[in-house]
N, C-alpha and C. Protein backbone atom coordinates (compact mmCIF):
# COMPACT_ATOMS: atom_id res chain seq x y z
N MET A 1 0.97 -1.29 0.06
CA MET A 1 0.04 0.13 0.13
C MET A 1 1.19 1.23 -0.14
N SER A 2 1.07 2.04 -0.85
CA SER A 2 1.55 3.54 -0.94
C SER A 2 0.44 4.32 -0.59
N VAL A 3 1.17 5.48 -0.06
CA VAL A 3 0.18 6.71 0.37
C VAL A 3 1.00 8.10 0.05
N SER A 4 -0.04 9.02 -0.01
CA SER A 4 1.40 10.15 -0.11
C SER A 4 1.42 10.81 1.17
N ASN A 5 2.33 12.33 0.89
CA ASN A 5 2.72 12.25 2.12
C ASN A 5 1.99 13.01 3.55
N ASP A 6 0.28 13.19 3.05
CA ASP A 6 -0.56 13.72 4.00
C ASP A 6 -1.58 12.33 4.08
N GLU A 7 -1.30 11.66 3.44
CA GLU A 7 -2.47 10.32 3.59
C GLU A 7 -2.16 9.49 4.51
N ILE A 8 -3.20 9.29 5.53
CA ILE A 8 -2.63 8.36 6.71
C ILE A 8 -2.75 7.01 6.13
N MET A 9 -4.58 6.71 5.49
CA MET A 9 -4.38 5.10 4.86
C MET A 9 -5.07 5.54 4.03
N PRO A 10 -5.43 4.48 2.51
CA PRO A 10 -6.14 5.03 1.53
C PRO A 10 -7.78 5.36 2.05
N GLY A 11 -7.70 6.91 1.20
CA GLY A 11 -8.64 7.67 1.71
C GLY A 11 -9.16 8.27 2.77
N VAL A 12 -7.93 8.35 3.40
CA VAL A 12 -7.88 9.38 4.59
C VAL A 12 -6.73 9.99 4.76
N ALA A 13 -6.86 11.74 4.44
CA ALA A 13 -5.48 12.11 4.62
C ALA A 13 -5.61 13.02 5.77
N ALA A 14 -4.55 13.47 5.96
CA ALA A 14 -4.38 14.54 7.29
C ALA A 14 -4.49 15.66 6.72
N ILE A 15 -5.38 16.45 6.70
CA ILE A 15 -5.72 17.65 5.82
C ILE A 15 -4.92 18.59 6.38
N GLY A 16 -4.74 18.73 7.64
CA GLY A 16 -3.75 19.76 8.44
C GLY A 16 -2.69 19.15 8.71
N GLY A 17 -2.04 18.52 8.29
CA GLY A 17 -0.77 17.53 8.40
C GLY A 17 -0.55 17.05 9.55
N PHE A 18 0.21 17.03 10.30
CA PHE A 18 1.15 15.95 11.25
C PHE A 18 1.65 16.84 12.44
N GLY A 19 1.12 16.42 13.50
CA GLY A 19 1.67 17.43 14.42
C GLY A 19 0.80 17.06 15.71
N PRO A 20 1.54 18.08 17.12
CA PRO A 20 0.45 17.91 18.20
C PRO A 20 -0.36 18.87 18.22
N ILE A 21 -1.43 19.05 19.04
CA ILE A 21 -1.84 20.17 19.04
C ILE A 21 -1.43 21.27 19.92
N PRO A 22 -1.59 22.53 19.59
CA PRO A 22 -1.36 23.61 20.18
C PRO A 22 -1.67 23.65 21.75
N ILE A 23 -1.36 23.78 22.41
CA ILE A 23 -1.48 24.36 23.99
C ILE A 23 -3.13 25.33 23.78
N ALA A 24 -2.48 26.36 23.21
CA ALA A 24 -3.77 27.19 23.44
C ALA A 24 -5.37 26.33 22.94
N ALA A 25 -5.17 25.72 21.84
CA ALA A 25 -6.38 24.78 21.76
C ALA A 25 -6.83 24.58 22.69
N TYR A 26 -6.29 23.90 23.74
CA TYR A 26 -6.83 23.54 25.15
C TYR A 26 -7.55 24.27 25.43
N HIS A 27 -7.39 25.84 25.54
CA HIS A 27 -7.97 26.87 26.12
C HIS A 27 -8.85 27.54 25.60
N GLU A 28 -9.07 27.40 24.45
CA GLU A 28 -10.04 27.80 23.91
C GLU A 28 -11.36 27.20 22.61
N MET A 29 -10.75 25.75 23.27
CA MET A 29 -11.86 25.00 22.23
C MET A 29 -12.04 23.62 23.64
N THR A 30 -13.48 23.38 23.15
CA THR A 30 -13.66 22.04 24.00
C THR A 30 -13.15 20.82 23.69
N GLY A 31 -12.96 19.44 24.15
CA GLY A 31 -12.49 18.54 23.74
C GLY A 31 -12.77 18.04 22.37
N LEU A 32 -14.51 18.10 22.18
CA LEU A 32 -15.09 17.53 20.83
C LEU A 32 -14.79 18.54 20.06
N GLU A 33 -14.47 19.86 20.19
CA GLU A 33 -14.31 21.08 19.27
C GLU A 33 -12.87 20.57 18.56
N ILE A 34 -11.93 20.17 19.53
CA ILE A 34 -10.88 19.23 19.17
C ILE A 34 -10.99 18.57 18.13
N LEU A 35 -11.37 17.64 18.56
CA LEU A 35 -11.14 16.60 17.67
C LEU A 35 -12.14 16.69 16.53
N ARG A 36 -13.07 17.21 16.08
CA ARG A 36 -13.52 17.32 15.16
C ARG A 36 -12.79 18.52 13.91
N ALA A 37 -12.08 19.43 14.69
CA ALA A 37 -10.93 20.01 13.91
C ALA A 37 -9.42 19.09 13.88
N ILE A 38 -9.38 18.38 14.10
CA ILE A 38 -8.51 17.07 13.79
C ILE A 38 -9.20 16.67 12.20
N ILE A 39 -10.06 15.82 12.93
CA ILE A 39 -10.98 15.25 11.57
C ILE A 39 -11.24 16.31 10.16
N SER A 40 -11.25 17.90 10.57
CA SER A 40 -11.99 18.70 9.46
C SER A 40 -10.14 19.06 8.61
N GLY A 41 -9.29 18.41 9.35
CA GLY A 41 -7.78 19.43 9.15
C GLY A 41 -7.15 20.58 9.17
N ASP A 42 -8.54 21.68 10.37
CA ASP A 42 -8.21 22.55 11.05
C ASP A 42 -7.04 22.45 12.05
N LEU A 43 -6.94 21.27 12.58
CA LEU A 43 -5.73 21.02 13.66
C LEU A 43 -4.50 19.88 12.80
N PRO A 44 -3.60 20.17 13.28
CA PRO A 44 -2.95 18.30 12.81
C PRO A 44 -3.21 17.26 13.44
N ALA A 45 -2.99 16.21 12.26
CA ALA A 45 -3.54 14.84 12.98
C ALA A 45 -2.31 14.39 13.91
N PRO A 46 -2.29 13.39 14.99
CA PRO A 46 -1.14 12.90 15.47
C PRO A 46 -0.29 11.86 14.93
N PRO A 47 1.35 12.34 14.97
CA PRO A 47 2.22 11.84 13.92
C PRO A 47 2.23 10.40 13.98
N ILE A 48 1.49 9.41 15.24
CA ILE A 48 1.15 8.22 15.41
C ILE A 48 0.26 7.55 14.11
N SER A 49 -0.36 8.28 13.75
CA SER A 49 -1.87 7.80 12.75
C SER A 49 -0.79 7.77 11.69
N LYS A 50 -0.22 8.17 11.21
CA LYS A 50 0.64 7.92 9.82
C LYS A 50 1.55 6.40 10.02
N VAL A 51 2.28 6.63 11.11
CA VAL A 51 3.19 5.54 11.45
C VAL A 51 2.43 4.45 11.52
N LEU A 52 1.29 4.33 12.27
CA LEU A 52 0.45 3.12 12.53
C LEU A 52 -0.91 3.23 11.55
N THR A 53 -1.09 3.78 10.82
CA THR A 53 -1.82 3.94 9.48
C THR A 53 -3.47 3.75 10.42
N PHE A 54 -3.98 4.76 10.83
CA PHE A 54 -5.40 4.68 11.63
C PHE A 54 -5.59 6.02 12.37
N ALA A 55 -6.72 6.33 12.02
CA ALA A 55 -6.77 7.64 12.15
C ALA A 55 -8.53 7.87 12.69
N LEU A 56 -9.31 9.04 13.48
CA LEU A 56 -9.83 9.21 13.96
C LEU A 56 -10.63 9.84 12.87
N THR A 57 -12.24 9.02 12.72
CA THR A 57 -12.97 9.65 11.47
C THR A 57 -14.00 9.77 11.55
N GLU A 58 -14.67 10.13 13.40
CA GLU A 58 -15.91 10.28 13.54
C GLU A 58 -15.81 10.93 14.91
N ALA A 59 -16.33 12.12 15.41
CA ALA A 59 -16.57 12.37 16.98
C ALA A 59 -17.91 13.02 17.13
N ASP A 60 -18.25 12.45 18.34
CA ASP A 60 -19.35 13.05 18.90
C ASP A 60 -19.15 13.16 20.51
N GLU A 61 -20.26 13.79 21.00
CA GLU A 61 -19.93 14.06 22.46
C GLU A 61 -20.32 12.40 22.75
N GLY A 62 -19.51 11.98 23.69
CA GLY A 62 -19.50 10.37 24.40
C GLY A 62 -19.39 9.23 23.43
N ARG A 63 -18.83 9.73 21.85
CA ARG A 63 -18.62 8.49 21.17
C ARG A 63 -17.43 8.75 19.57
N VAL A 64 -16.52 7.97 19.60
CA VAL A 64 -15.51 8.46 18.37
C VAL A 64 -15.79 6.97 17.91
N VAL A 65 -15.32 7.31 16.91
CA VAL A 65 -14.65 5.87 15.59
C VAL A 65 -13.48 6.08 15.10
N PHE A 66 -12.57 5.28 15.37
CA PHE A 66 -11.13 5.24 14.54
C PHE A 66 -11.31 3.95 13.68
N ARG A 67 -11.02 4.18 12.08
CA ARG A 67 -10.59 3.29 11.62
C ARG A 67 -9.15 3.17 10.87
N GLY A 68 -9.02 1.81 10.74
CA GLY A 68 -7.15 1.71 10.87
C GLY A 68 -6.90 0.44 9.56
N VAL A 69 -5.87 0.17 9.04
CA VAL A 69 -5.42 -0.73 8.21
C VAL A 69 -4.26 -1.38 8.45
N PRO A 70 -4.33 -2.43 9.31
CA PRO A 70 -3.02 -2.96 9.55
C PRO A 70 -2.40 -3.52 8.40
N LYS A 71 -0.86 -3.54 8.32
CA LYS A 71 -0.38 -3.80 7.25
C LYS A 71 0.77 -4.92 8.00
N THR A 72 1.46 -5.55 7.00
CA THR A 72 2.52 -6.51 7.06
C THR A 72 3.54 -6.04 7.74
N ASP A 73 3.82 -4.75 7.84
CA ASP A 73 4.88 -4.13 8.66
C ASP A 73 5.04 -4.53 10.16
N TYR A 74 3.58 -4.84 10.84
CA TYR A 74 3.40 -4.44 11.97
C TYR A 74 3.22 -6.36 12.31
N LEU A 75 3.77 -7.18 11.50
CA LEU A 75 3.58 -8.66 11.91
C LEU A 75 4.70 -9.05 13.17
N ASN A 76 4.18 -9.87 14.06
CA ASN A 76 5.13 -10.24 15.04
C ASN A 76 5.76 -11.88 14.23
N PRO A 77 6.61 -12.38 15.22
CA PRO A 77 6.99 -13.47 14.76
C PRO A 77 5.94 -14.63 14.29
N GLY A 78 5.02 -14.77 15.16
CA GLY A 78 3.77 -15.88 14.48
C GLY A 78 2.58 -15.51 13.45
N GLY A 79 3.46 -14.52 12.69
CA GLY A 79 2.68 -13.86 11.40
C GLY A 79 1.45 -13.55 11.75
N THR A 80 1.06 -12.75 12.89
CA THR A 80 0.02 -11.99 12.70
C THR A 80 0.10 -10.71 13.40
N VAL A 81 -0.39 -9.87 13.34
CA VAL A 81 0.15 -8.28 13.68
C VAL A 81 -0.06 -8.31 15.16
N HIS A 82 1.11 -7.79 15.46
CA HIS A 82 1.32 -7.24 16.96
C HIS A 82 0.35 -6.75 17.49
N GLY A 83 0.23 -7.59 19.06
CA GLY A 83 -0.91 -6.71 20.03
C GLY A 83 -0.62 -5.27 20.26
N GLY A 84 0.63 -4.83 19.86
CA GLY A 84 0.54 -3.42 20.30
C GLY A 84 0.19 -2.56 19.32
N TRP A 85 -0.08 -3.13 18.12
CA TRP A 85 -0.81 -1.95 17.00
C TRP A 85 -2.80 -2.18 17.40
N THR A 86 -3.11 -3.49 17.95
CA THR A 86 -4.60 -3.34 18.29
C THR A 86 -4.39 -2.76 19.80
N ALA A 87 -4.10 -2.60 20.65
CA ALA A 87 -3.55 -2.00 21.87
C ALA A 87 -3.60 -0.61 21.60
N THR A 88 -2.78 -0.20 20.22
CA THR A 88 -2.77 1.13 19.94
C THR A 88 -4.03 2.02 19.96
N ILE A 89 -4.51 1.36 18.55
CA ILE A 89 -5.67 2.15 18.24
C ILE A 89 -6.83 2.07 19.41
N MET A 90 -6.91 1.20 20.34
CA MET A 90 -8.24 1.07 21.12
C MET A 90 -7.73 2.07 22.29
N ASP A 91 -6.37 2.01 22.73
CA ASP A 91 -5.83 3.47 23.39
C ASP A 91 -6.38 4.85 23.21
N SER A 92 -5.94 4.89 21.65
CA SER A 92 -6.39 6.13 21.10
C SER A 92 -7.89 6.50 20.76
N ALA A 93 -8.90 5.56 20.61
CA ALA A 93 -9.90 5.73 20.82
C ALA A 93 -10.78 5.79 21.99
N LEU A 94 -10.03 4.87 23.09
CA LEU A 94 -10.66 4.99 24.22
C LEU A 94 -10.24 6.43 24.99
N ALA A 95 -9.09 7.00 24.89
CA ALA A 95 -8.91 8.12 25.33
C ALA A 95 -9.40 9.36 24.74
N CYS A 96 -9.63 9.12 23.16
CA CYS A 96 -10.30 10.52 22.65
C CYS A 96 -11.86 10.39 22.85
N VAL A 97 -12.36 9.26 23.28
CA VAL A 97 -14.15 9.42 23.51
C VAL A 97 -13.99 10.33 24.76
N VAL A 98 -13.25 10.08 25.95
CA VAL A 98 -12.95 10.86 27.16
C VAL A 98 -12.74 12.55 26.80
N HIS A 99 -11.95 12.40 25.79
CA HIS A 99 -11.67 13.65 25.31
C HIS A 99 -12.72 14.63 24.75
N SER A 100 -13.76 13.77 24.28
CA SER A 100 -14.81 14.36 23.67
C SER A 100 -15.76 14.84 24.54
N VAL A 101 -15.65 14.77 25.72
CA VAL A 101 -16.49 15.44 26.72
C VAL A 101 -15.38 16.21 27.69
N LEU A 102 -14.72 16.78 27.27
CA LEU A 102 -13.49 17.53 28.21
C LEU A 102 -14.45 18.91 27.77
N LYS A 103 -13.93 19.75 28.79
CA LYS A 103 -14.65 21.20 28.91
C LYS A 103 -13.09 22.22 28.49
N LYS A 104 -13.30 23.61 27.91
CA LYS A 104 -12.11 24.16 27.70
C LYS A 104 -11.58 24.36 29.03
N GLY A 105 -10.28 24.58 28.56
CA GLY A 105 -9.28 24.46 30.01
C GLY A 105 -8.81 22.80 30.35
N GLU A 106 -9.25 21.98 29.97
CA GLU A 106 -9.15 20.51 30.50
C GLU A 106 -8.26 19.85 29.45
N ALA A 107 -7.99 18.81 30.17
CA ALA A 107 -6.68 18.07 29.65
C ALA A 107 -7.00 16.36 30.27
N LEU A 108 -6.50 15.47 29.78
CA LEU A 108 -6.38 14.27 29.94
C LEU A 108 -5.07 13.33 29.85
N ALA A 109 -4.87 12.56 30.64
CA ALA A 109 -3.95 11.74 30.32
C ALA A 109 -4.35 10.14 31.25
N THR A 110 -4.07 9.18 29.87
CA THR A 110 -4.45 7.81 30.62
C THR A 110 -3.90 6.97 31.70
N THR A 111 -4.79 6.59 32.55
CA THR A 111 -3.95 6.00 34.10
C THR A 111 -3.97 4.45 33.69
N GLU A 112 -4.91 3.92 33.35
CA GLU A 112 -5.00 2.57 33.03
C GLU A 112 -6.22 2.28 32.02
N PHE A 113 -5.52 0.79 31.46
CA PHE A 113 -6.59 0.29 30.50
C PHE A 113 -5.91 -1.28 29.95
N LYS A 114 -7.32 -1.66 29.50
CA LYS A 114 -7.24 -3.20 29.63
C LYS A 114 -7.80 -3.56 28.40
N VAL A 115 -7.69 -4.26 27.41
CA VAL A 115 -7.89 -4.65 26.04
C VAL A 115 -8.08 -6.30 26.28
N ASN A 116 -8.82 -6.87 25.65
CA ASN A 116 -9.23 -8.40 25.65
C ASN A 116 -9.06 -8.59 24.14
N MET A 117 -8.07 -9.39 23.70
CA MET A 117 -8.03 -9.59 22.12
C MET A 117 -8.51 -10.95 21.80
N LEU A 118 -9.59 -10.92 21.16
CA LEU A 118 -10.51 -12.27 21.06
C LEU A 118 -10.02 -12.96 19.60
N ARG A 119 -9.44 -12.44 18.46
CA ARG A 119 -9.31 -12.84 17.09
C ARG A 119 -8.18 -12.13 16.85
N PRO A 120 -7.17 -13.15 16.11
CA PRO A 120 -6.18 -12.77 15.38
C PRO A 120 -6.36 -11.37 14.06
N VAL A 121 -5.83 -10.21 14.72
CA VAL A 121 -5.50 -9.39 13.31
C VAL A 121 -4.36 -9.56 12.50
N LEU A 122 -4.92 -9.54 11.28
CA LEU A 122 -4.02 -9.92 9.99
C LEU A 122 -4.62 -8.68 8.77
N PRO A 123 -2.85 -9.15 8.29
CA PRO A 123 -3.03 -7.94 7.03
C PRO A 123 -3.54 -7.77 6.56
N ASP A 124 -4.44 -8.78 5.98
CA ASP A 124 -5.12 -8.94 4.81
C ASP A 124 -6.75 -8.82 5.18
N MET A 125 -6.81 -8.27 6.49
CA MET A 125 -8.46 -7.80 6.93
C MET A 125 -9.06 -6.56 6.70
N GLY A 126 -7.89 -5.65 5.45
CA GLY A 126 -8.35 -4.59 5.22
C GLY A 126 -8.74 -3.32 6.50
N GLU A 127 -9.87 -2.72 6.25
CA GLU A 127 -9.84 -1.70 7.26
C GLU A 127 -10.78 -2.33 8.39
N LEU A 128 -10.33 -1.66 9.46
CA LEU A 128 -11.02 -2.08 10.63
C LEU A 128 -11.62 -1.01 11.50
N SER A 129 -12.26 -0.90 12.21
CA SER A 129 -13.23 -0.07 13.07
C SER A 129 -13.04 -0.28 14.59
N CYS A 130 -12.90 1.03 15.04
CA CYS A 130 -12.67 1.04 16.77
C CYS A 130 -13.73 2.09 17.08
N GLU A 131 -14.91 1.97 17.67
CA GLU A 131 -15.87 2.43 18.07
C GLU A 131 -15.93 2.14 20.01
N ALA A 132 -15.71 3.45 20.35
CA ALA A 132 -15.59 4.12 21.77
C ALA A 132 -16.55 5.06 22.33
N ASN A 133 -16.91 4.49 23.51
CA ASN A 133 -18.48 5.03 23.96
C ASN A 133 -17.68 5.31 25.79
N ILE A 134 -18.61 6.29 26.20
CA ILE A 134 -18.17 7.07 27.62
C ILE A 134 -18.71 6.29 28.46
N VAL A 135 -18.17 5.58 29.19
CA VAL A 135 -19.11 5.07 30.66
C VAL A 135 -19.42 6.15 31.73
N SER A 136 -18.20 6.39 31.93
CA SER A 136 -18.80 7.55 32.77
C SER A 136 -17.30 9.04 33.03
N ARG A 137 -18.31 9.82 32.98
CA ARG A 137 -17.38 11.10 33.40
C ARG A 137 -17.57 12.38 34.60
N GLY A 138 -16.28 12.02 35.53
CA GLY A 138 -16.82 12.51 36.41
C GLY A 138 -15.76 13.76 36.34
N ARG A 139 -15.36 14.61 37.86
CA ARG A 139 -15.11 15.62 38.03
C ARG A 139 -13.53 15.42 37.43
N THR A 140 -12.93 14.49 38.05
CA THR A 140 -11.38 14.14 37.52
C THR A 140 -10.87 13.00 37.00
N ILE A 141 -12.28 11.94 36.63
CA ILE A 141 -11.90 10.80 35.93
C ILE A 141 -13.09 10.37 35.05
N GLY A 142 -12.40 10.12 34.07
CA GLY A 142 -13.19 9.71 32.74
C GLY A 142 -13.01 8.02 32.56
N VAL A 143 -14.22 7.07 32.15
CA VAL A 143 -13.97 5.86 32.20
C VAL A 143 -14.61 5.68 30.87
N SER A 144 -14.12 4.58 30.24
CA SER A 144 -14.39 4.44 28.74
C SER A 144 -14.46 3.31 28.62
N GLU A 145 -14.67 2.62 27.43
CA GLU A 145 -15.58 1.18 26.76
C GLU A 145 -15.16 1.38 25.31
N ALA A 146 -14.40 0.22 24.42
CA ALA A 146 -14.39 0.40 23.01
C ALA A 146 -14.47 -1.52 22.83
N ARG A 147 -14.59 -1.19 21.01
CA ARG A 147 -14.57 -2.63 20.58
C ARG A 147 -13.90 -2.35 19.01
N LEU A 148 -13.16 -3.06 18.89
CA LEU A 148 -12.84 -3.63 17.21
C LEU A 148 -13.36 -4.31 16.69
N THR A 149 -13.62 -4.10 15.52
CA THR A 149 -14.71 -4.87 14.92
C THR A 149 -13.68 -4.57 12.89
N ASP A 150 -14.05 -6.15 12.49
CA ASP A 150 -13.33 -6.45 11.26
C ASP A 150 -14.97 -5.48 10.52
N SER A 151 -14.14 -5.66 8.63
CA SER A 151 -15.60 -5.41 8.08
C SER A 151 -16.84 -6.08 7.86
N ARG A 152 -16.98 -7.11 8.43
CA ARG A 152 -17.97 -8.26 8.50
C ARG A 152 -18.39 -7.73 9.80
N GLY A 153 -18.40 -7.08 10.51
CA GLY A 153 -18.27 -6.96 12.01
C GLY A 153 -18.07 -7.69 13.38
N ARG A 154 -17.19 -9.01 12.96
CA ARG A 154 -16.69 -9.42 13.99
C ARG A 154 -15.88 -8.93 15.08
N LEU A 155 -16.25 -9.19 16.33
CA LEU A 155 -15.59 -8.80 17.22
C LEU A 155 -13.94 -9.39 17.02
N LEU A 156 -13.31 -8.14 17.33
CA LEU A 156 -11.74 -8.98 17.25
C LEU A 156 -10.99 -8.36 18.74
N ALA A 157 -11.51 -7.20 19.36
CA ALA A 157 -11.24 -6.86 20.36
C ALA A 157 -11.86 -6.13 21.26
N PHE A 158 -12.17 -5.78 22.58
CA PHE A 158 -12.76 -5.00 23.55
C PHE A 158 -12.04 -4.33 24.46
N GLY A 159 -12.12 -3.27 24.79
CA GLY A 159 -11.32 -2.84 26.07
C GLY A 159 -12.08 -1.83 26.95
N THR A 160 -11.57 -1.24 28.33
CA THR A 160 -11.85 -0.26 28.99
C THR A 160 -10.62 0.60 29.47
N GLU A 161 -10.73 1.97 29.73
CA GLU A 161 -9.75 2.65 30.18
C GLU A 161 -10.28 3.66 31.21
N THR A 162 -9.18 4.31 32.35
CA THR A 162 -9.64 5.19 32.93
C THR A 162 -8.66 6.11 32.12
N CYS A 163 -9.07 7.58 32.33
CA CYS A 163 -8.55 8.74 32.33
C CYS A 163 -8.75 9.53 33.24
N SER A 164 -7.35 10.42 33.60
CA SER A 164 -7.45 11.48 34.78
C SER A 164 -7.55 12.76 33.93
N ILE A 165 -8.48 13.60 34.34
CA ILE A 165 -9.04 15.04 33.65
C ILE A 165 -8.03 15.90 34.76
N PHE A 166 -7.55 16.66 34.00
CA PHE A 166 -6.96 17.93 34.94
C PHE A 166 -6.90 19.20 34.04
N PRO A 167 -6.53 20.25 34.86
CA PRO A 167 -6.56 21.50 33.64
C PRO A 167 -5.58 21.57 33.09
N ALA A 168 -5.25 22.00 31.73
CA ALA A 168 -4.57 21.81 30.72
C ALA A 168 -3.55 22.77 31.17
N ARG A 169 -2.17 22.46 30.36
CA ARG A 169 -1.02 23.33 30.86
C ARG A 169 -1.27 24.73 30.43
N ALA A 170 -0.81 26.01 30.77
CA ALA A 170 -0.87 26.70 31.04
C ALA A 170 -0.38 27.51 28.98
N LYS A 171 -1.17 28.51 28.39
CA LYS A 171 -0.77 28.74 27.04
C LYS A 171 0.87 29.29 27.46
N SER A 172 1.42 29.07 26.52
CA SER A 172 2.87 29.35 26.11
C SER A 172 3.05 31.10 25.60
């Protein structure tokens, strides 16, 4: 699979390029506004999305969807996609759904996550979908759940995550 410089995977481009979100955005936008700005290209996509060929494609308050294409570059010695790829797309969706409920001036960090891998992920599976939903949003803790499925809707993995919510760093 060949991709252009701004393409994350076939059909999904990082219109706003790649890079970190400016700290000012955390003070001027809600978490959901930031996620939607990444999708629209008004803010850059995270560099890891290009490296691991997955992207945030939908964002609503309390629900996000990532889509990804596992590649042969991610194979482990056993010939399946390394569990780290699965864990990373899951962690991304799980944290971003908590991000979708952040207020202006808030940030988050993953404090714990668990992923159960039910089926092997293979590079010939094509595009996979990881949908995450918020379970609980408290003052300082957010909890989420997610499911990774193939194009036929088969469950490949599911997981949960806890994120700490705290004030965003001061603007530089």
